[in-house]
Amino acid sequence: MNRINRFLSAAVAAVLFICASCSAAGDTGGKSDLSQNANSDFVEEETTVGDDLPQKNFDGRKFRVGVRTPAEYEIFTELTGEVTDDAIFYRNARISERFNVEITAIP
C-alpha cells in the first residue's frame, strides 16, 4: 500500500510539473498587440436560431404550468423593472402572442 501511495504521489507531482512548465510564457521583448486591438472597432455579431416549431393557433386556450409554491412568481403579468423578471415577462408575452394562448400557473 505504501508503494502505491509513493508511486501515485510521484505521478501526480510529475503531471503538475509538466503542466507548470508548459504554461510559462517567455518575454517577447516588445509591446504586445493588445494596444492595437483596443483601438479597433469590435462589433459582436448576434445570431438567431430558428425554433423549427410549426405555426399553430390555440384559440386563446389557457396553458397551465404546474409550479411549486415558492416559484409561482415566475409567471409575470406585468413588468417589474428587474432584468430577469422582465425577460421572463417578454418571453411569456411572445409565446402568448405567437400561439394565441394564455399562460397561467397552477401551484
N, C-alpha and C. Protein backbone atom coordinates (compact mmCIF):
# COMPACT_ATOMS: atom_id res chain seq x y z
N MET A 1 0.82 -1.19 0.00
CA MET A 1 0.00 0.00 0.00
C MET A 1 0.87 1.26 0.00
N ASN A 2 1.97 1.21 0.77
CA ASN A 2 2.86 2.35 0.85
C ASN A 2 3.53 2.62 -0.50
N ARG A 3 3.83 1.55 -1.22
CA ARG A 3 4.46 1.68 -2.53
C ARG A 3 3.51 2.34 -3.54
N ILE A 4 2.24 1.98 -3.47
CA ILE A 4 1.24 2.55 -4.38
C ILE A 4 1.08 4.04 -4.11
N ASN A 5 1.05 4.41 -2.83
CA ASN A 5 0.92 5.83 -2.48
C ASN A 5 2.11 6.64 -2.99
N ARG A 6 3.32 6.08 -2.84
CA ARG A 6 4.51 6.77 -3.33
C ARG A 6 4.47 6.94 -4.85
N PHE A 7 4.07 5.88 -5.54
CA PHE A 7 4.00 5.93 -7.00
C PHE A 7 2.97 6.96 -7.45
N LEU A 8 1.78 6.95 -6.84
CA LEU A 8 0.73 7.91 -7.21
C LEU A 8 1.17 9.34 -6.90
N SER A 9 1.83 9.55 -5.78
CA SER A 9 2.32 10.88 -5.44
C SER A 9 3.35 11.37 -6.45
N ALA A 10 4.24 10.48 -6.85
CA ALA A 10 5.25 10.85 -7.84
C ALA A 10 4.61 11.14 -9.19
N ALA A 11 3.61 10.36 -9.57
CA ALA A 11 2.93 10.58 -10.84
C ALA A 11 2.19 11.91 -10.85
N VAL A 12 1.50 12.22 -9.76
CA VAL A 12 0.79 13.50 -9.67
C VAL A 12 1.77 14.66 -9.70
N ALA A 13 2.89 14.53 -8.98
CA ALA A 13 3.90 15.59 -8.98
C ALA A 13 4.48 15.78 -10.38
N ALA A 14 4.71 14.70 -11.10
CA ALA A 14 5.25 14.81 -12.46
C ALA A 14 4.26 15.51 -13.38
N VAL A 15 2.99 15.16 -13.28
CA VAL A 15 1.97 15.79 -14.12
C VAL A 15 1.87 17.27 -13.80
N LEU A 16 1.89 17.63 -12.52
CA LEU A 16 1.83 19.04 -12.14
C LEU A 16 3.06 19.80 -12.63
N PHE A 17 4.23 19.18 -12.55
CA PHE A 17 5.45 19.83 -13.03
C PHE A 17 5.39 20.06 -14.54
N ILE A 18 4.91 19.07 -15.29
CA ILE A 18 4.81 19.21 -16.74
C ILE A 18 3.82 20.31 -17.11
N CYS A 19 2.68 20.35 -16.42
CA CYS A 19 1.69 21.40 -16.70
C CYS A 19 2.24 22.78 -16.37
N ALA A 20 2.95 22.90 -15.27
CA ALA A 20 3.51 24.20 -14.88
C ALA A 20 4.59 24.65 -15.85
N SER A 21 5.39 23.72 -16.34
CA SER A 21 6.46 24.12 -17.26
C SER A 21 5.91 24.49 -18.63
N CYS A 22 4.78 23.95 -19.01
CA CYS A 22 4.19 24.29 -20.31
C CYS A 22 3.46 25.63 -20.27
N SER A 23 3.06 26.07 -19.10
CA SER A 23 2.26 27.29 -19.02
C SER A 23 3.10 28.55 -18.91
N ALA A 24 4.40 28.44 -18.71
CA ALA A 24 5.24 29.62 -18.58
C ALA A 24 5.43 30.27 -19.94
N ALA A 25 5.23 31.58 -19.99
CA ALA A 25 5.39 32.31 -21.24
C ALA A 25 6.67 33.11 -21.18
N GLY A 26 7.38 33.14 -22.27
CA GLY A 26 8.62 33.90 -22.33
C GLY A 26 8.35 35.37 -22.60
N ASP A 27 9.34 36.21 -22.34
CA ASP A 27 9.21 37.64 -22.58
C ASP A 27 9.41 37.91 -24.07
N THR A 28 8.48 38.62 -24.68
CA THR A 28 8.59 38.90 -26.11
C THR A 28 9.54 40.04 -26.40
N GLY A 29 9.84 40.86 -25.40
CA GLY A 29 10.79 41.93 -25.57
C GLY A 29 10.21 43.16 -26.23
N GLY A 30 9.00 43.14 -26.61
CA GLY A 30 8.38 44.28 -27.27
C GLY A 30 6.99 44.51 -26.72
N LYS A 31 6.31 45.44 -27.35
CA LYS A 31 4.95 45.72 -26.92
C LYS A 31 4.02 44.63 -27.42
N SER A 32 3.00 44.40 -26.66
CA SER A 32 2.04 43.39 -27.08
C SER A 32 1.08 43.98 -28.12
N ASP A 33 0.37 43.13 -28.78
CA ASP A 33 -0.58 43.56 -29.80
C ASP A 33 -1.90 44.01 -29.21
N LEU A 34 -2.03 43.99 -27.90
CA LEU A 34 -3.29 44.38 -27.27
C LEU A 34 -3.61 45.84 -27.50
N SER A 35 -2.58 46.69 -27.58
CA SER A 35 -2.83 48.11 -27.78
C SER A 35 -3.44 48.37 -29.15
N GLN A 36 -3.06 47.60 -30.14
CA GLN A 36 -3.64 47.76 -31.46
C GLN A 36 -5.08 47.27 -31.50
N ASN A 37 -5.37 46.18 -30.80
CA ASN A 37 -6.71 45.63 -30.78
C ASN A 37 -7.67 46.49 -29.98
N ALA A 38 -7.17 47.23 -29.01
CA ALA A 38 -8.05 48.05 -28.17
C ALA A 38 -8.66 49.19 -28.95
N ASN A 39 -7.95 49.71 -29.94
CA ASN A 39 -8.45 50.83 -30.71
C ASN A 39 -9.34 50.41 -31.87
N SER A 40 -9.29 49.16 -32.27
CA SER A 40 -10.11 48.73 -33.40
C SER A 40 -11.56 48.58 -32.97
N ASP A 41 -12.45 48.81 -33.90
CA ASP A 41 -13.88 48.69 -33.62
C ASP A 41 -14.27 47.23 -33.67
N PHE A 42 -14.79 46.75 -32.56
CA PHE A 42 -15.21 45.36 -32.48
C PHE A 42 -16.72 45.33 -32.41
N VAL A 43 -17.32 44.66 -33.35
CA VAL A 43 -18.77 44.54 -33.38
C VAL A 43 -19.11 43.07 -33.20
N GLU A 44 -19.83 42.79 -32.14
CA GLU A 44 -20.22 41.42 -31.87
C GLU A 44 -21.45 41.08 -32.70
N GLU A 45 -21.37 40.00 -33.44
CA GLU A 45 -22.49 39.59 -34.27
C GLU A 45 -23.47 38.78 -33.43
N GLU A 46 -24.72 39.07 -33.60
CA GLU A 46 -25.76 38.33 -32.89
C GLU A 46 -26.46 37.43 -33.89
N THR A 47 -26.46 36.16 -33.59
CA THR A 47 -27.12 35.22 -34.49
C THR A 47 -28.36 34.68 -33.80
N THR A 48 -29.38 34.46 -34.57
CA THR A 48 -30.60 33.89 -34.03
C THR A 48 -30.78 32.50 -34.61
N VAL A 49 -31.32 31.64 -33.80
CA VAL A 49 -31.54 30.26 -34.21
C VAL A 49 -33.04 30.04 -34.28
N GLY A 50 -33.51 29.51 -35.38
CA GLY A 50 -34.93 29.22 -35.52
C GLY A 50 -35.34 28.07 -34.62
N ASP A 51 -36.57 28.10 -34.15
CA ASP A 51 -37.03 27.06 -33.24
C ASP A 51 -37.68 25.88 -33.96
N ASP A 52 -37.91 26.00 -35.25
CA ASP A 52 -38.49 24.93 -36.07
C ASP A 52 -39.83 24.44 -35.54
N LEU A 53 -40.57 25.30 -34.85
CA LEU A 53 -41.90 24.94 -34.37
C LEU A 53 -42.93 25.34 -35.41
N PRO A 54 -43.95 24.54 -35.59
CA PRO A 54 -44.98 24.90 -36.57
C PRO A 54 -45.82 26.07 -36.07
N GLN A 55 -46.39 26.82 -37.00
CA GLN A 55 -47.29 27.92 -36.64
C GLN A 55 -48.64 27.32 -36.25
N LYS A 56 -49.02 27.47 -35.00
CA LYS A 56 -50.29 26.94 -34.51
C LYS A 56 -51.08 28.06 -33.87
N ASN A 57 -52.39 27.92 -33.89
CA ASN A 57 -53.29 28.86 -33.22
C ASN A 57 -54.14 28.04 -32.25
N PHE A 58 -53.98 28.32 -30.96
CA PHE A 58 -54.70 27.56 -29.94
C PHE A 58 -55.97 28.27 -29.49
N ASP A 59 -56.41 29.27 -30.21
CA ASP A 59 -57.69 29.94 -29.98
C ASP A 59 -57.86 30.46 -28.56
N GLY A 60 -56.80 31.01 -27.97
CA GLY A 60 -56.90 31.63 -26.66
C GLY A 60 -57.04 30.67 -25.50
N ARG A 61 -56.71 29.41 -25.69
CA ARG A 61 -56.80 28.44 -24.60
C ARG A 61 -55.80 28.77 -23.50
N LYS A 62 -56.12 28.30 -22.28
CA LYS A 62 -55.21 28.51 -21.15
C LYS A 62 -54.16 27.41 -21.16
N PHE A 63 -52.92 27.84 -21.09
CA PHE A 63 -51.80 26.93 -20.98
C PHE A 63 -51.37 26.96 -19.52
N ARG A 64 -51.70 25.91 -18.79
CA ARG A 64 -51.45 25.87 -17.35
C ARG A 64 -50.12 25.19 -17.07
N VAL A 65 -49.31 25.85 -16.26
CA VAL A 65 -47.99 25.34 -15.90
C VAL A 65 -47.99 25.02 -14.42
N GLY A 66 -47.70 23.76 -14.09
CA GLY A 66 -47.60 23.37 -12.69
C GLY A 66 -46.28 23.81 -12.11
N VAL A 67 -46.32 24.58 -11.03
CA VAL A 67 -45.10 25.08 -10.39
C VAL A 67 -45.18 24.81 -8.89
N ARG A 68 -44.03 24.76 -8.27
CA ARG A 68 -44.03 24.65 -6.81
C ARG A 68 -44.40 26.02 -6.24
N THR A 69 -44.92 26.06 -5.06
CA THR A 69 -45.46 27.29 -4.49
C THR A 69 -44.46 28.44 -4.45
N PRO A 70 -43.21 28.27 -4.00
CA PRO A 70 -42.31 29.43 -3.97
C PRO A 70 -41.96 29.97 -5.36
N ALA A 71 -42.09 29.18 -6.41
CA ALA A 71 -41.72 29.63 -7.76
C ALA A 71 -42.91 30.14 -8.54
N GLU A 72 -44.03 30.38 -7.88
CA GLU A 72 -45.22 30.84 -8.57
C GLU A 72 -45.02 32.23 -9.18
N TYR A 73 -44.06 32.97 -8.66
CA TYR A 73 -43.80 34.32 -9.14
C TYR A 73 -43.20 34.33 -10.55
N GLU A 74 -42.82 33.18 -11.09
CA GLU A 74 -42.17 33.15 -12.39
C GLU A 74 -43.13 33.38 -13.55
N ILE A 75 -44.42 33.43 -13.31
CA ILE A 75 -45.39 33.74 -14.35
C ILE A 75 -45.80 35.18 -14.11
N PHE A 76 -45.12 36.11 -14.75
CA PHE A 76 -45.35 37.53 -14.51
C PHE A 76 -46.44 38.06 -15.42
N THR A 77 -47.29 38.92 -14.88
CA THR A 77 -48.37 39.53 -15.66
C THR A 77 -48.08 40.99 -15.96
N GLU A 78 -46.99 41.52 -15.41
CA GLU A 78 -46.64 42.92 -15.67
C GLU A 78 -45.13 43.09 -15.55
N LEU A 79 -44.64 44.19 -16.09
CA LEU A 79 -43.22 44.50 -15.99
C LEU A 79 -42.89 44.97 -14.58
N THR A 80 -41.78 44.49 -14.03
CA THR A 80 -41.40 44.85 -12.66
C THR A 80 -40.18 45.76 -12.60
N GLY A 81 -39.43 45.86 -13.68
CA GLY A 81 -38.22 46.67 -13.68
C GLY A 81 -36.96 45.85 -13.43
N GLU A 82 -37.10 44.62 -12.96
CA GLU A 82 -35.96 43.72 -12.78
C GLU A 82 -35.63 43.09 -14.14
N VAL A 83 -34.36 42.96 -14.44
CA VAL A 83 -33.94 42.46 -15.74
C VAL A 83 -34.45 41.04 -15.99
N THR A 84 -34.26 40.16 -15.02
CA THR A 84 -34.67 38.77 -15.19
C THR A 84 -36.19 38.65 -15.27
N ASP A 85 -36.88 39.36 -14.38
CA ASP A 85 -38.34 39.30 -14.38
C ASP A 85 -38.92 39.83 -15.69
N ASP A 86 -38.35 40.91 -16.19
CA ASP A 86 -38.84 41.47 -17.45
C ASP A 86 -38.55 40.54 -18.63
N ALA A 87 -37.41 39.84 -18.59
CA ALA A 87 -37.09 38.88 -19.66
C ALA A 87 -38.10 37.74 -19.66
N ILE A 88 -38.48 37.27 -18.47
CA ILE A 88 -39.49 36.21 -18.38
C ILE A 88 -40.83 36.73 -18.87
N PHE A 89 -41.17 37.97 -18.51
CA PHE A 89 -42.43 38.56 -18.97
C PHE A 89 -42.47 38.65 -20.50
N TYR A 90 -41.38 39.16 -21.10
CA TYR A 90 -41.33 39.29 -22.55
C TYR A 90 -41.37 37.93 -23.24
N ARG A 91 -40.69 36.94 -22.67
CA ARG A 91 -40.74 35.59 -23.24
C ARG A 91 -42.16 35.05 -23.24
N ASN A 92 -42.84 35.18 -22.08
CA ASN A 92 -44.22 34.69 -21.99
C ASN A 92 -45.14 35.46 -22.92
N ALA A 93 -44.92 36.76 -23.07
CA ALA A 93 -45.75 37.57 -23.96
C ALA A 93 -45.57 37.14 -25.41
N ARG A 94 -44.32 36.86 -25.81
CA ARG A 94 -44.08 36.41 -27.19
C ARG A 94 -44.74 35.06 -27.45
N ILE A 95 -44.66 34.15 -26.48
CA ILE A 95 -45.29 32.84 -26.64
C ILE A 95 -46.80 32.98 -26.70
N SER A 96 -47.36 33.80 -25.81
CA SER A 96 -48.81 34.01 -25.80
C SER A 96 -49.28 34.60 -27.12
N GLU A 97 -48.53 35.54 -27.64
CA GLU A 97 -48.91 36.21 -28.89
C GLU A 97 -48.74 35.28 -30.08
N ARG A 98 -47.66 34.53 -30.11
CA ARG A 98 -47.38 33.67 -31.27
C ARG A 98 -48.36 32.51 -31.38
N PHE A 99 -48.68 31.88 -30.25
CA PHE A 99 -49.52 30.69 -30.28
C PHE A 99 -50.95 30.95 -29.82
N ASN A 100 -51.27 32.21 -29.50
CA ASN A 100 -52.61 32.59 -29.06
C ASN A 100 -53.06 31.74 -27.86
N VAL A 101 -52.25 31.78 -26.79
CA VAL A 101 -52.56 31.07 -25.55
C VAL A 101 -52.46 32.04 -24.39
N GLU A 102 -53.02 31.63 -23.26
CA GLU A 102 -52.90 32.39 -22.01
C GLU A 102 -52.14 31.52 -21.02
N ILE A 103 -50.99 31.99 -20.55
CA ILE A 103 -50.15 31.21 -19.65
C ILE A 103 -50.56 31.51 -18.21
N THR A 104 -50.92 30.47 -17.47
CA THR A 104 -51.29 30.61 -16.06
C THR A 104 -50.53 29.57 -15.24
N ALA A 105 -50.36 29.86 -13.95
CA ALA A 105 -49.62 28.95 -13.07
C ALA A 105 -50.59 28.17 -12.20
N ILE A 106 -50.26 26.90 -11.98
CA ILE A 106 -51.01 26.05 -11.06
C ILE A 106 -50.07 25.75 -9.89
N PRO A 107 -50.36 26.26 -8.69
CA PRO A 107 -49.47 26.00 -7.56
C PRO A 107 -49.58 24.56 -7.07
